[in-house]
């Protein structure tokens, strides 16, 4: 379970960084409320602290499972809802459309055209 705990920790820290360093500032820049996303991020931080504070490996793994499958999913849902209303030009990451139709958004040299 140590490997699993480590992977979940990496995912959680990455999510926290993406939300705090990119998503919240982008949403604030276009005057979209960030309350739900900030609350979700706080829950991820709190549950990650619980993983670190758990007494043994099994308890850490149980907390990591809850973090990954429940708490992070809730935070992700808030981010997805914000992405749906945020202008694509303001969203700090590639949109689903950009990813799905990447070949239609680039010229023969791989330069984005749209």
PDB file of N, CA and C in Angstrom:
ATOM      1  N   UNK A   1       0.806  -1.211   0.000  1.00  0.00           N
ATOM      2  CA  UNK A   1       0.000   0.000   0.000  1.00  0.00           C
ATOM      3  C   UNK A   1       0.841   1.263   0.000  1.00  0.00           C
ATOM      4  N   UNK A   2       2.110   1.158   0.287  1.00  0.00           N
ATOM      5  CA  UNK A   2       2.973   2.337   0.295  1.00  0.00           C
ATOM      6  C   UNK A   2       3.045   2.995  -1.087  1.00  0.00           C
ATOM      7  N   UNK A   3       3.106   2.158  -2.126  1.00  0.00           N
ATOM      8  CA  UNK A   3       3.148   2.676  -3.490  1.00  0.00           C
ATOM      9  C   UNK A   3       1.855   3.440  -3.801  1.00  0.00           C
ATOM     10  N   UNK A   4       0.727   2.854  -3.449  1.00  0.00           N
ATOM     11  CA  UNK A   4      -0.572   3.493  -3.685  1.00  0.00           C
ATOM     12  C   UNK A   4      -0.666   4.828  -2.951  1.00  0.00           C
ATOM     13  N   UNK A   5      -0.265   4.837  -1.699  1.00  0.00           N
ATOM     14  CA  UNK A   5      -0.310   6.070  -0.899  1.00  0.00           C
ATOM     15  C   UNK A   5       0.543   7.149  -1.567  1.00  0.00           C
ATOM     16  N   UNK A   6       1.721   6.771  -2.019  1.00  0.00           N
ATOM     17  CA  UNK A   6       2.612   7.724  -2.683  1.00  0.00           C
ATOM     18  C   UNK A   6       2.019   8.293  -3.957  1.00  0.00           C
ATOM     19  N   UNK A   7       1.383   7.439  -4.753  1.00  0.00           N
ATOM     20  CA  UNK A   7       0.764   7.914  -5.991  1.00  0.00           C
ATOM     21  C   UNK A   7      -0.389   8.874  -5.712  1.00  0.00           C
ATOM     22  N   UNK A   8      -1.203   8.532  -4.732  1.00  0.00           N
ATOM     23  CA  UNK A   8      -2.323   9.412  -4.386  1.00  0.00           C
ATOM     24  C   UNK A   8      -1.802  10.741  -3.856  1.00  0.00           C
ATOM     25  N   UNK A   9      -0.743  10.692  -3.075  1.00  0.00           N
ATOM     26  CA  UNK A   9      -0.155  11.929  -2.553  1.00  0.00           C
ATOM     27  C   UNK A   9       0.330  12.821  -3.697  1.00  0.00           C
ATOM     28  N   UNK A  10       0.995  12.240  -4.681  1.00  0.00           N
ATOM     29  CA  UNK A  10       1.462  13.012  -5.840  1.00  0.00           C
ATOM     30  C   UNK A  10       0.280  13.642  -6.571  1.00  0.00           C
ATOM     31  N   UNK A  11      -0.781  12.865  -6.791  1.00  0.00           N
ATOM     32  CA  UNK A  11      -1.962  13.384  -7.472  1.00  0.00           C
ATOM     33  C   UNK A  11      -2.604  14.522  -6.680  1.00  0.00           C
ATOM     34  N   UNK A  12      -2.711  14.354  -5.366  1.00  0.00           N
ATOM     35  CA  UNK A  12      -3.348  15.372  -4.526  1.00  0.00           C
ATOM     36  C   UNK A  12      -2.535  16.665  -4.521  1.00  0.00           C
ATOM     37  N   UNK A  13      -1.240  16.557  -4.368  1.00  0.00           N
ATOM     38  CA  UNK A  13      -0.392  17.761  -4.355  1.00  0.00           C
ATOM     39  C   UNK A  13      -0.444  18.458  -5.714  1.00  0.00           C
ATOM     40  N   UNK A  14      -0.460  17.682  -6.780  1.00  0.00           N
ATOM     41  CA  UNK A  14      -0.569  18.257  -8.119  1.00  0.00           C
ATOM     42  C   UNK A  14      -1.900  18.986  -8.281  1.00  0.00           C
ATOM     43  N   UNK A  15      -2.980  18.363  -7.811  1.00  0.00           N
ATOM     44  CA  UNK A  15      -4.292  19.008  -7.893  1.00  0.00           C
ATOM     45  C   UNK A  15      -4.310  20.322  -7.116  1.00  0.00           C
ATOM     46  N   UNK A  16      -3.780  20.298  -5.918  1.00  0.00           N
ATOM     47  CA  UNK A  16      -3.728  21.511  -5.092  1.00  0.00           C
ATOM     48  C   UNK A  16      -2.967  22.615  -5.820  1.00  0.00           C
ATOM     49  N   UNK A  17      -1.823  22.272  -6.389  1.00  0.00           N
ATOM     50  CA  UNK A  17      -1.020  23.255  -7.123  1.00  0.00           C
ATOM     51  C   UNK A  17      -1.768  23.803  -8.337  1.00  0.00           C
ATOM     52  N   UNK A  18      -2.408  22.927  -9.102  1.00  0.00           N
ATOM     53  CA  UNK A  18      -3.138  23.368 -10.293  1.00  0.00           C
ATOM     54  C   UNK A  18      -4.277  24.313  -9.923  1.00  0.00           C
ATOM     55  N   UNK A  19      -4.978  23.970  -8.857  1.00  0.00           N
ATOM     56  CA  UNK A  19      -6.099  24.813  -8.443  1.00  0.00           C
ATOM     57  C   UNK A  19      -5.611  26.162  -7.925  1.00  0.00           C
ATOM     58  N   UNK A  20      -4.642  26.133  -7.013  1.00  0.00           N
ATOM     59  CA  UNK A  20      -4.227  27.386  -6.368  1.00  0.00           C
ATOM     60  C   UNK A  20      -3.384  28.282  -7.276  1.00  0.00           C
ATOM     61  N   UNK A  21      -2.571  27.686  -8.133  1.00  0.00           N
ATOM     62  CA  UNK A  21      -1.663  28.485  -8.953  1.00  0.00           C
ATOM     63  C   UNK A  21      -2.230  28.860 -10.319  1.00  0.00           C
ATOM     64  N   UNK A  22      -3.211  28.092 -10.806  1.00  0.00           N
ATOM     65  CA  UNK A  22      -3.699  28.348 -12.161  1.00  0.00           C
ATOM     66  C   UNK A  22      -5.206  28.587 -12.249  1.00  0.00           C
ATOM     67  N   UNK A  23      -5.995  27.665 -11.709  1.00  0.00           N
ATOM     68  CA  UNK A  23      -7.437  27.739 -11.920  1.00  0.00           C
ATOM     69  C   UNK A  23      -8.066  28.923 -11.184  1.00  0.00           C
ATOM     70  N   UNK A  24      -7.794  29.047  -9.900  1.00  0.00           N
ATOM     71  CA  UNK A  24      -8.401  30.153  -9.145  1.00  0.00           C
ATOM     72  C   UNK A  24      -7.985  31.516  -9.702  1.00  0.00           C
ATOM     73  N   UNK A  25      -6.700  31.756  -9.974  1.00  0.00           N
ATOM     74  CA  UNK A  25      -6.350  33.062 -10.559  1.00  0.00           C
ATOM     75  C   UNK A  25      -7.028  33.315 -11.916  1.00  0.00           C
ATOM     76  N   UNK A  26      -7.149  32.274 -12.740  1.00  0.00           N
ATOM     77  CA  UNK A  26      -7.795  32.451 -14.048  1.00  0.00           C
ATOM     78  C   UNK A  26      -9.263  32.813 -13.887  1.00  0.00           C
ATOM     79  N   UNK A  27      -9.943  32.145 -12.971  1.00  0.00           N
ATOM     80  CA  UNK A  27     -11.366  32.428 -12.752  1.00  0.00           C
ATOM     81  C   UNK A  27     -11.569  33.819 -12.162  1.00  0.00           C
ATOM     82  N   UNK A  28     -10.712  34.185 -11.245  1.00  0.00           N
ATOM     83  CA  UNK A  28     -10.813  35.536 -10.676  1.00  0.00           C
ATOM     84  C   UNK A  28     -10.598  36.593 -11.758  1.00  0.00           C
ATOM     85  N   UNK A  29      -9.739  36.289 -12.725  1.00  0.00           N
ATOM     86  CA  UNK A  29      -9.464  37.219 -13.812  1.00  0.00           C
ATOM     87  C   UNK A  29     -10.660  37.501 -14.700  1.00  0.00           C
ATOM     88  N   UNK A  30     -11.627  36.588 -14.711  1.00  0.00           N
ATOM     89  CA  UNK A  30     -12.842  36.799 -15.506  1.00  0.00           C
ATOM     90  C   UNK A  30     -14.078  36.893 -14.607  1.00  0.00           C
ATOM     91  N   UNK A  31     -13.835  37.206 -13.337  1.00  0.00           N
ATOM     92  CA  UNK A  31     -14.903  37.453 -12.353  1.00  0.00           C
ATOM     93  C   UNK A  31     -15.876  36.285 -12.175  1.00  0.00           C
ATOM     94  N   UNK A  32     -15.337  35.066 -12.128  1.00  0.00           N
ATOM     95  CA  UNK A  32     -16.149  33.880 -11.842  1.00  0.00           C
ATOM     96  C   UNK A  32     -15.886  33.480 -10.394  1.00  0.00           C
ATOM     97  N   UNK A  33     -16.952  33.197  -9.666  1.00  0.00           N
ATOM     98  CA  UNK A  33     -16.852  32.829  -8.257  1.00  0.00           C
ATOM     99  C   UNK A  33     -15.978  31.581  -8.088  1.00  0.00           C
ATOM    100  N   UNK A  34     -15.071  31.647  -7.146  1.00  0.00           N
ATOM    101  CA  UNK A  34     -14.146  30.532  -6.897  1.00  0.00           C
ATOM    102  C   UNK A  34     -14.424  29.822  -5.569  1.00  0.00           C
ATOM    103  N   UNK A  35     -15.541  30.155  -4.934  1.00  0.00           N
ATOM    104  CA  UNK A  35     -15.836  29.602  -3.611  1.00  0.00           C
ATOM    105  C   UNK A  35     -15.881  28.089  -3.567  1.00  0.00           C
ATOM    106  N   UNK A  36     -16.585  27.466  -4.511  1.00  0.00           N
ATOM    107  CA  UNK A  36     -16.714  26.009  -4.507  1.00  0.00           C
ATOM    108  C   UNK A  36     -15.372  25.331  -4.770  1.00  0.00           C
ATOM    109  N   UNK A  37     -14.603  25.918  -5.665  1.00  0.00           N
ATOM    110  CA  UNK A  37     -13.287  25.336  -5.987  1.00  0.00           C
ATOM    111  C   UNK A  37     -12.340  25.494  -4.804  1.00  0.00           C
ATOM    112  N   UNK A  38     -12.330  26.653  -4.188  1.00  0.00           N
ATOM    113  CA  UNK A  38     -11.468  26.873  -3.025  1.00  0.00           C
ATOM    114  C   UNK A  38     -11.859  25.938  -1.885  1.00  0.00           C
ATOM    115  N   UNK A  39     -13.153  25.740  -1.680  1.00  0.00           N
ATOM    116  CA  UNK A  39     -13.617  24.824  -0.633  1.00  0.00           C
ATOM    117  C   UNK A  39     -13.193  23.391  -0.941  1.00  0.00           C
ATOM    118  N   UNK A  40     -13.310  22.995  -2.199  1.00  0.00           N
ATOM    119  CA  UNK A  40     -12.878  21.655  -2.596  1.00  0.00           C
ATOM    120  C   UNK A  40     -11.388  21.462  -2.392  1.00  0.00           C
ATOM    121  N   UNK A  41     -10.621  22.478  -2.727  1.00  0.00           N
ATOM    122  CA  UNK A  41      -9.169  22.423  -2.542  1.00  0.00           C
ATOM    123  C   UNK A  41      -8.818  22.310  -1.064  1.00  0.00           C
ATOM    124  N   UNK A  42      -9.525  23.050  -0.227  1.00  0.00           N
ATOM    125  CA  UNK A  42      -9.292  22.969   1.218  1.00  0.00           C
ATOM    126  C   UNK A  42      -9.580  21.568   1.751  1.00  0.00           C
ATOM    127  N   UNK A  43     -10.624  20.929   1.211  1.00  0.00           N
ATOM    128  CA  UNK A  43     -10.949  19.560   1.636  1.00  0.00           C
ATOM    129  C   UNK A  43      -9.849  18.586   1.214  1.00  0.00           C
ATOM    130  N   UNK A  44      -9.295  18.806   0.021  1.00  0.00           N
ATOM    131  CA  UNK A  44      -8.183  17.950  -0.435  1.00  0.00           C
ATOM    132  C   UNK A  44      -6.990  18.125   0.504  1.00  0.00           C
ATOM    133  N   UNK A  45      -6.675  19.374   0.850  1.00  0.00           N
ATOM    134  CA  UNK A  45      -5.561  19.636   1.768  1.00  0.00           C
ATOM    135  C   UNK A  45      -5.798  18.969   3.129  1.00  0.00           C
ATOM    136  N   UNK A  46      -7.014  19.090   3.633  1.00  0.00           N
ATOM    137  CA  UNK A  46      -7.342  18.510   4.938  1.00  0.00           C
ATOM    138  C   UNK A  46      -7.219  16.996   4.916  1.00  0.00           C
ATOM    139  N   UNK A  47      -7.745  16.367   3.869  1.00  0.00           N
ATOM    140  CA  UNK A  47      -7.690  14.900   3.790  1.00  0.00           C
ATOM    141  C   UNK A  47      -6.256  14.429   3.560  1.00  0.00           C
ATOM    142  N   UNK A  48      -5.475  15.189   2.817  1.00  0.00           N
ATOM    143  CA  UNK A  48      -4.065  14.846   2.643  1.00  0.00           C
ATOM    144  C   UNK A  48      -3.350  14.900   3.988  1.00  0.00           C
ATOM    145  N   UNK A  49      -3.685  15.874   4.815  1.00  0.00           N
ATOM    146  CA  UNK A  49      -3.134  15.936   6.170  1.00  0.00           C
ATOM    147  C   UNK A  49      -3.524  14.727   6.989  1.00  0.00           C
ATOM    148  N   UNK A  50      -4.756  14.234   6.790  1.00  0.00           N
ATOM    149  CA  UNK A  50      -5.206  13.036   7.498  1.00  0.00           C
ATOM    150  C   UNK A  50      -4.416  11.807   7.048  1.00  0.00           C
ATOM    151  N   UNK A  51      -4.077  11.756   5.768  1.00  0.00           N
ATOM    152  CA  UNK A  51      -3.240  10.647   5.268  1.00  0.00           C
ATOM    153  C   UNK A  51      -1.902  10.672   5.986  1.00  0.00           C
ATOM    154  N   UNK A  52      -1.308  11.836   6.062  1.00  0.00           N
ATOM    155  CA  UNK A  52       0.001  11.968   6.711  1.00  0.00           C
ATOM    156  C   UNK A  52      -0.071  11.657   8.206  1.00  0.00           C
ATOM    157  N   UNK A  53      -1.193  11.962   8.841  1.00  0.00           N
ATOM    158  CA  UNK A  53      -1.322  11.787  10.284  1.00  0.00           C
ATOM    159  C   UNK A  53      -1.764  10.380  10.689  1.00  0.00           C
ATOM    160  N   UNK A  54      -2.203   9.578   9.738  1.00  0.00           N
ATOM    161  CA  UNK A  54      -2.702   8.231  10.073  1.00  0.00           C
ATOM    162  C   UNK A  54      -1.615   7.414  10.760  1.00  0.00           C
ATOM    163  N   UNK A  55      -2.057   6.543  11.661  1.00  0.00           N
ATOM    164  CA  UNK A  55      -1.144   5.829  12.548  1.00  0.00           C
ATOM    165  C   UNK A  55      -0.294   4.763  11.853  1.00  0.00           C
ATOM    166  N   UNK A  56      -0.852   4.068  10.893  1.00  0.00           N
ATOM    167  CA  UNK A  56      -0.084   2.990  10.249  1.00  0.00           C
ATOM    168  C   UNK A  56      -0.401   2.945   8.756  1.00  0.00           C
ATOM    169  N   UNK A  57       0.283   2.081   8.049  1.00  0.00           N
ATOM    170  CA  UNK A  57       0.146   1.989   6.601  1.00  0.00           C
ATOM    171  C   UNK A  57      -1.266   1.693   6.141  1.00  0.00           C
ATOM    172  N   UNK A  58      -1.941   0.787   6.828  1.00  0.00           N
ATOM    173  CA  UNK A  58      -3.294   0.428   6.432  1.00  0.00           C
ATOM    174  C   UNK A  58      -4.242   1.620   6.588  1.00  0.00           C
ATOM    175  N   UNK A  59      -4.128   2.324   7.692  1.00  0.00           N
ATOM    176  CA  UNK A  59      -4.974   3.496   7.914  1.00  0.00           C
ATOM    177  C   UNK A  59      -4.651   4.601   6.906  1.00  0.00           C
ATOM    178  N   UNK A  60      -3.366   4.764   6.592  1.00  0.00           N
ATOM    179  CA  UNK A  60      -2.971   5.740   5.575  1.00  0.00           C
ATOM    180  C   UNK A  60      -3.594   5.380   4.225  1.00  0.00           C
ATOM    181  N   UNK A  61      -3.570   4.090   3.895  1.00  0.00           N
ATOM    182  CA  UNK A  61      -4.134   3.630   2.626  1.00  0.00           C
ATOM    183  C   UNK A  61      -5.643   3.868   2.581  1.00  0.00           C
ATOM    184  N   UNK A  62      -6.334   3.640   3.681  1.00  0.00           N
ATOM    185  CA  UNK A  62      -7.768   3.893   3.728  1.00  0.00           C
ATOM    186  C   UNK A  62      -8.057   5.381   3.522  1.00  0.00           C
ATOM    187  N   UNK A  63      -7.293   6.218   4.189  1.00  0.00           N
ATOM    188  CA  UNK A  63      -7.459   7.673   4.014  1.00  0.00           C
ATOM    189  C   UNK A  63      -7.124   8.088   2.582  1.00  0.00           C
ATOM    190  N   UNK A  64      -6.086   7.491   2.006  1.00  0.00           N
ATOM    191  CA  UNK A  64      -5.690   7.812   0.634  1.00  0.00           C
ATOM    192  C   UNK A  64      -6.794   7.419  -0.345  1.00  0.00           C
ATOM    193  N   UNK A  65      -7.432   6.293  -0.099  1.00  0.00           N
ATOM    194  CA  UNK A  65      -8.542   5.852  -0.942  1.00  0.00           C
ATOM    195  C   UNK A  65      -9.681   6.864  -0.889  1.00  0.00           C
ATOM    196  N   UNK A  66     -10.037   7.306   0.300  1.00  0.00           N
ATOM    197  CA  UNK A  66     -11.101   8.304   0.445  1.00  0.00           C
ATOM    198  C   UNK A  66     -10.696   9.619  -0.222  1.00  0.00           C
ATOM    199  N   UNK A  67      -9.443   9.995  -0.059  1.00  0.00           N
ATOM    200  CA  UNK A  67      -8.937  11.212  -0.679  1.00  0.00           C
ATOM    201  C   UNK A  67      -9.096  11.133  -2.189  1.00  0.00           C
ATOM    202  N   UNK A  68      -8.626  10.054  -2.783  1.00  0.00           N
ATOM    203  CA  UNK A  68      -8.616   9.915  -4.241  1.00  0.00           C
ATOM    204  C   UNK A  68     -10.005   9.712  -4.829  1.00  0.00           C
ATOM    205  N   UNK A  69     -10.801   8.852  -4.217  1.00  0.00           N
ATOM    206  CA  UNK A  69     -12.072   8.466  -4.831  1.00  0.00           C
ATOM    207  C   UNK A  69     -13.268   9.303  -4.387  1.00  0.00           C
ATOM    208  N   UNK A  70     -13.115  10.075  -3.349  1.00  0.00           N
ATOM    209  CA  UNK A  70     -14.234  10.881  -2.876  1.00  0.00           C
ATOM    210  C   UNK A  70     -13.891  12.374  -2.876  1.00  0.00           C
ATOM    211  N   UNK A  71     -12.897  12.748  -2.106  1.00  0.00           N
ATOM    212  CA  UNK A  71     -12.593  14.168  -1.917  1.00  0.00           C
ATOM    213  C   UNK A  71     -12.063  14.805  -3.203  1.00  0.00           C
ATOM    214  N   UNK A  72     -11.121  14.158  -3.859  1.00  0.00           N
ATOM    215  CA  UNK A  72     -10.578  14.719  -5.092  1.00  0.00           C
ATOM    216  C   UNK A  72     -11.625  14.734  -6.210  1.00  0.00           C
ATOM    217  N   UNK A  73     -12.495  13.749  -6.231  1.00  0.00           N
ATOM    218  CA  UNK A  73     -13.565  13.730  -7.227  1.00  0.00           C
ATOM    219  C   UNK A  73     -14.501  14.922  -7.042  1.00  0.00           C
ATOM    220  N   UNK A  74     -14.789  15.258  -5.807  1.00  0.00           N
ATOM    221  CA  UNK A  74     -15.639  16.410  -5.511  1.00  0.00           C
ATOM    222  C   UNK A  74     -14.967  17.707  -5.983  1.00  0.00           C
ATOM    223  N   UNK A  75     -13.678  17.834  -5.716  1.00  0.00           N
ATOM    224  CA  UNK A  75     -12.945  19.028  -6.155  1.00  0.00           C
ATOM    225  C   UNK A  75     -12.894  19.086  -7.684  1.00  0.00           C
ATOM    226  N   UNK A  76     -12.703  17.945  -8.311  1.00  0.00           N
ATOM    227  CA  UNK A  76     -12.659  17.877  -9.775  1.00  0.00           C
ATOM    228  C   UNK A  76     -13.992  18.301 -10.372  1.00  0.00           C
ATOM    229  N   UNK A  77     -15.078  17.883  -9.744  1.00  0.00           N
ATOM    230  CA  UNK A  77     -16.401  18.258 -10.238  1.00  0.00           C
ATOM    231  C   UNK A  77     -16.566  19.777 -10.220  1.00  0.00           C
ATOM    232  N   UNK A  78     -16.136  20.416  -9.147  1.00  0.00           N
ATOM    233  CA  UNK A  78     -16.223  21.882  -9.064  1.00  0.00           C
ATOM    234  C   UNK A  78     -15.387  22.537 -10.159  1.00  0.00           C
ATOM    235  N   UNK A  79     -14.212  21.984 -10.428  1.00  0.00           N
ATOM    236  CA  UNK A  79     -13.354  22.529 -11.490  1.00  0.00           C
ATOM    237  C   UNK A  79     -13.996  22.344 -12.866  1.00  0.00           C
ATOM    238  N   UNK A  80     -14.593  21.172 -13.099  1.00  0.00           N
ATOM    239  CA  UNK A  80     -15.264  20.916 -14.377  1.00  0.00           C
ATOM    240  C   UNK A  80     -16.423  21.875 -14.593  1.00  0.00           C
ATOM    241  N   UNK A  81     -17.183  22.148 -13.529  1.00  0.00           N
ATOM    242  CA  UNK A  81     -18.306  23.082 -13.637  1.00  0.00           C
ATOM    243  C   UNK A  81     -17.809  24.493 -13.951  1.00  0.00           C
ATOM    244  N   UNK A  82     -16.707  24.876 -13.348  1.00  0.00           N
ATOM    245  CA  UNK A  82     -16.142  26.198 -13.630  1.00  0.00           C
ATOM    246  C   UNK A  82     -15.613  26.268 -15.058  1.00  0.00           C
ATOM    247  N   UNK A  83     -14.975  25.199 -15.499  1.00  0.00           N
ATOM    248  CA  UNK A  83     -14.455  25.178 -16.873  1.00  0.00           C
ATOM    249  C   UNK A  83     -15.578  25.356 -17.889  1.00  0.00           C
ATOM    250  N   UNK A  84     -16.749  24.809 -17.575  1.00  0.00           N
ATOM    251  CA  UNK A  84     -17.883  24.895 -18.495  1.00  0.00           C
ATOM    252  C   UNK A  84     -18.366  26.325 -18.692  1.00  0.00           C
ATOM    253  N   UNK A  85     -18.162  27.189 -17.704  1.00  0.00           N
ATOM    254  CA  UNK A  85     -18.634  28.571 -17.836  1.00  0.00           C
ATOM    255  C   UNK A  85     -17.509  29.580 -18.069  1.00  0.00           C
ATOM    256  N   UNK A  86     -16.289  29.131 -17.964  1.00  0.00           N
ATOM    257  CA  UNK A  86     -15.137  30.016 -18.158  1.00  0.00           C
ATOM    258  C   UNK A  86     -14.827  30.138 -19.656  1.00  0.00           C
ATOM    259  N   UNK A  87     -14.580  31.340 -20.145  1.00  0.00           N
ATOM    260  CA  UNK A  87     -14.176  31.467 -21.551  1.00  0.00           C
ATOM    261  C   UNK A  87     -12.913  30.639 -21.819  1.00  0.00           C
ATOM    262  N   UNK A  88     -12.908  29.949 -22.939  1.00  0.00           N
ATOM    263  CA  UNK A  88     -11.778  29.063 -23.265  1.00  0.00           C
ATOM    264  C   UNK A  88     -10.459  29.822 -23.293  1.00  0.00           C
ATOM    265  N   UNK A  89     -10.507  31.088 -23.689  1.00  0.00           N
ATOM    266  CA  UNK A  89      -9.272  31.881 -23.755  1.00  0.00           C
ATOM    267  C   UNK A  89      -8.710  32.189 -22.372  1.00  0.00           C
ATOM    268  N   UNK A  90      -9.553  32.116 -21.348  1.00  0.00           N
ATOM    269  CA  UNK A  90      -9.098  32.402 -19.986  1.00  0.00           C
ATOM    270  C   UNK A  90      -8.714  31.140 -19.226  1.00  0.00           C
ATOM    271  N   UNK A  91      -9.216  29.971 -19.668  1.00  0.00           N
ATOM    272  CA  UNK A  91      -8.921  28.723 -18.966  1.00  0.00           C
ATOM    273  C   UNK A  91      -7.439  28.405 -19.121  1.00  0.00           C
ATOM    274  N   UNK A  92      -6.746  28.096 -18.019  1.00  0.00           N
ATOM    275  CA  UNK A  92      -5.289  27.961 -18.079  1.00  0.00           C
ATOM    276  C   UNK A  92      -4.755  26.663 -18.688  1.00  0.00           C
ATOM    277  N   UNK A  93      -5.642  25.737 -19.015  1.00  0.00           N
ATOM    278  CA  UNK A  93      -5.208  24.455 -19.578  1.00  0.00           C
ATOM    279  C   UNK A  93      -5.945  24.196 -20.881  1.00  0.00           C
ATOM    280  N   UNK A  94      -5.435  23.266 -21.651  1.00  0.00           N
ATOM    281  CA  UNK A  94      -6.115  22.901 -22.887  1.00  0.00           C
ATOM    282  C   UNK A  94      -7.533  22.433 -22.560  1.00  0.00           C
ATOM    283  N   UNK A  95      -8.489  22.867 -23.379  1.00  0.00           N
ATOM    284  CA  UNK A  95      -9.869  22.433 -23.180  1.00  0.00           C
ATOM    285  C   UNK A  95     -10.024  21.019 -23.738  1.00  0.00           C
ATOM    286  N   UNK A  96     -11.124  20.385 -23.374  1.00  0.00           N
ATOM    287  CA  UNK A  96     -11.396  19.055 -23.923  1.00  0.00           C
ATOM    288  C   UNK A  96     -11.476  19.109 -25.445  1.00  0.00           C
ATOM    289  N   UNK A  97     -12.072  20.158 -25.970  1.00  0.00           N
ATOM    290  CA  UNK A  97     -12.172  20.312 -27.424  1.00  0.00           C
ATOM    291  C   UNK A  97     -10.780  20.392 -28.037  1.00  0.00           C
ATOM    292  N   UNK A  98      -9.902  21.173 -27.433  1.00  0.00           N
ATOM    293  CA  UNK A  98      -8.535  21.287 -27.948  1.00  0.00           C
ATOM    294  C   UNK A  98      -7.842  19.927 -27.968  1.00  0.00           C
ATOM    295  N   UNK A  99      -8.038  19.157 -26.914  1.00  0.00           N
ATOM    296  CA  UNK A  99      -7.388  17.854 -26.830  1.00  0.00           C
ATOM    297  C   UNK A  99      -7.978  16.853 -27.821  1.00  0.00           C
ATOM    298  N   UNK A 100      -9.294  16.861 -27.945  1.00  0.00           N
ATOM    299  CA  UNK A 100      -9.947  15.902 -28.829  1.00  0.00           C
ATOM    300  C   UNK A 100      -9.720  16.200 -30.300  1.00  0.00           C
ATOM    301  N   UNK A 101      -9.603  17.465 -30.637  1.00  0.00           N
ATOM    302  CA  UNK A 101      -9.468  17.856 -32.036  1.00  0.00           C
ATOM    303  C   UNK A 101      -8.128  18.532 -32.303  1.00  0.00           C
ATOM    304  N   UNK A 102      -7.102  18.083 -31.605  1.00  0.00           N
ATOM    305  CA  UNK A 102      -5.783  18.685 -31.714  1.00  0.00           C
ATOM    306  C   UNK A 102      -5.299  18.741 -33.158  1.00  0.00           C
ATOM    307  N   UNK A 103      -5.521  17.675 -33.900  1.00  0.00           N
ATOM    308  CA  UNK A 103      -5.053  17.632 -35.279  1.00  0.00           C
ATOM    309  C   UNK A 103      -5.776  18.645 -36.167  1.00  0.00           C
ATOM    310  N   UNK A 104      -6.960  19.093 -35.769  1.00  0.00           N
ATOM    311  CA  UNK A 104      -7.699  20.064 -36.560  1.00  0.00           C
ATOM    312  C   UNK A 104      -7.353  21.501 -36.175  1.00  0.00           C
ATOM    313  N   UNK A 105      -6.587  21.659 -35.080  1.00  0.00           N
ATOM    314  CA  UNK A 105      -6.227  22.993 -34.600  1.00  0.00           C
ATOM    315  C   UNK A 105      -4.778  23.352 -34.904  1.00  0.00           C
ATOM    316  N   UNK A 106      -4.102  22.510 -35.681  1.00  0.00           N
ATOM    317  CA  UNK A 106      -2.694  22.752 -35.970  1.00  0.00           C
ATOM    318  C   UNK A 106      -2.419  22.671 -37.462  1.00  0.00           C
ATOM    319  N   UNK A 107      -1.394  23.409 -37.864  1.00  0.00           N
ATOM    320  CA  UNK A 107      -0.993  23.313 -39.268  1.00  0.00           C
ATOM    321  C   UNK A 107      -0.026  22.136 -39.445  1.00  0.00           C
ATOM    322  N   UNK A 108       0.551  22.002 -40.612  1.00  0.00           N
ATOM    323  CA  UNK A 108       1.432  20.874 -40.915  1.00  0.00           C
ATOM    324  C   UNK A 108       2.716  20.843 -40.079  1.00  0.00           C
ATOM    325  N   UNK A 109       3.042  21.959 -39.389  1.00  0.00           N
ATOM    326  CA  UNK A 109       4.240  22.014 -38.557  1.00  0.00           C
ATOM    327  C   UNK A 109       3.910  21.896 -37.061  1.00  0.00           C
ATOM    328  N   UNK A 110       2.641  21.654 -36.752  1.00  0.00           N
ATOM    329  CA  UNK A 110       2.240  21.515 -35.354  1.00  0.00           C
ATOM    330  C   UNK A 110       1.966  22.817 -34.640  1.00  0.00           C
ATOM    331  N   UNK A 111       1.878  23.908 -35.377  1.00  0.00           N
ATOM    332  CA  UNK A 111       1.613  25.224 -34.798  1.00  0.00           C
ATOM    333  C   UNK A 111       0.101  25.395 -34.664  1.00  0.00           C
ATOM    334  N   UNK A 112      -0.357  25.805 -33.481  1.00  0.00           N
ATOM    335  CA  UNK A 112      -1.783  26.010 -33.252  1.00  0.00           C
ATOM    336  C   UNK A 112      -2.296  27.146 -34.112  1.00  0.00           C
ATOM    337  N   UNK A 113      -3.389  26.903 -34.814  1.00  0.00           N
ATOM    338  CA  UNK A 113      -3.946  27.887 -35.740  1.00  0.00           C
ATOM    339  C   UNK A 113      -5.248  28.486 -35.248  1.00  0.00           C
ATOM    340  N   UNK A 114      -5.891  27.869 -34.262  1.00  0.00           N
ATOM    341  CA  UNK A 114      -7.174  28.386 -33.756  1.00  0.00           C
ATOM    342  C   UNK A 114      -7.082  28.673 -32.288  1.00  0.00           C
TER     343      UNK A 114
END
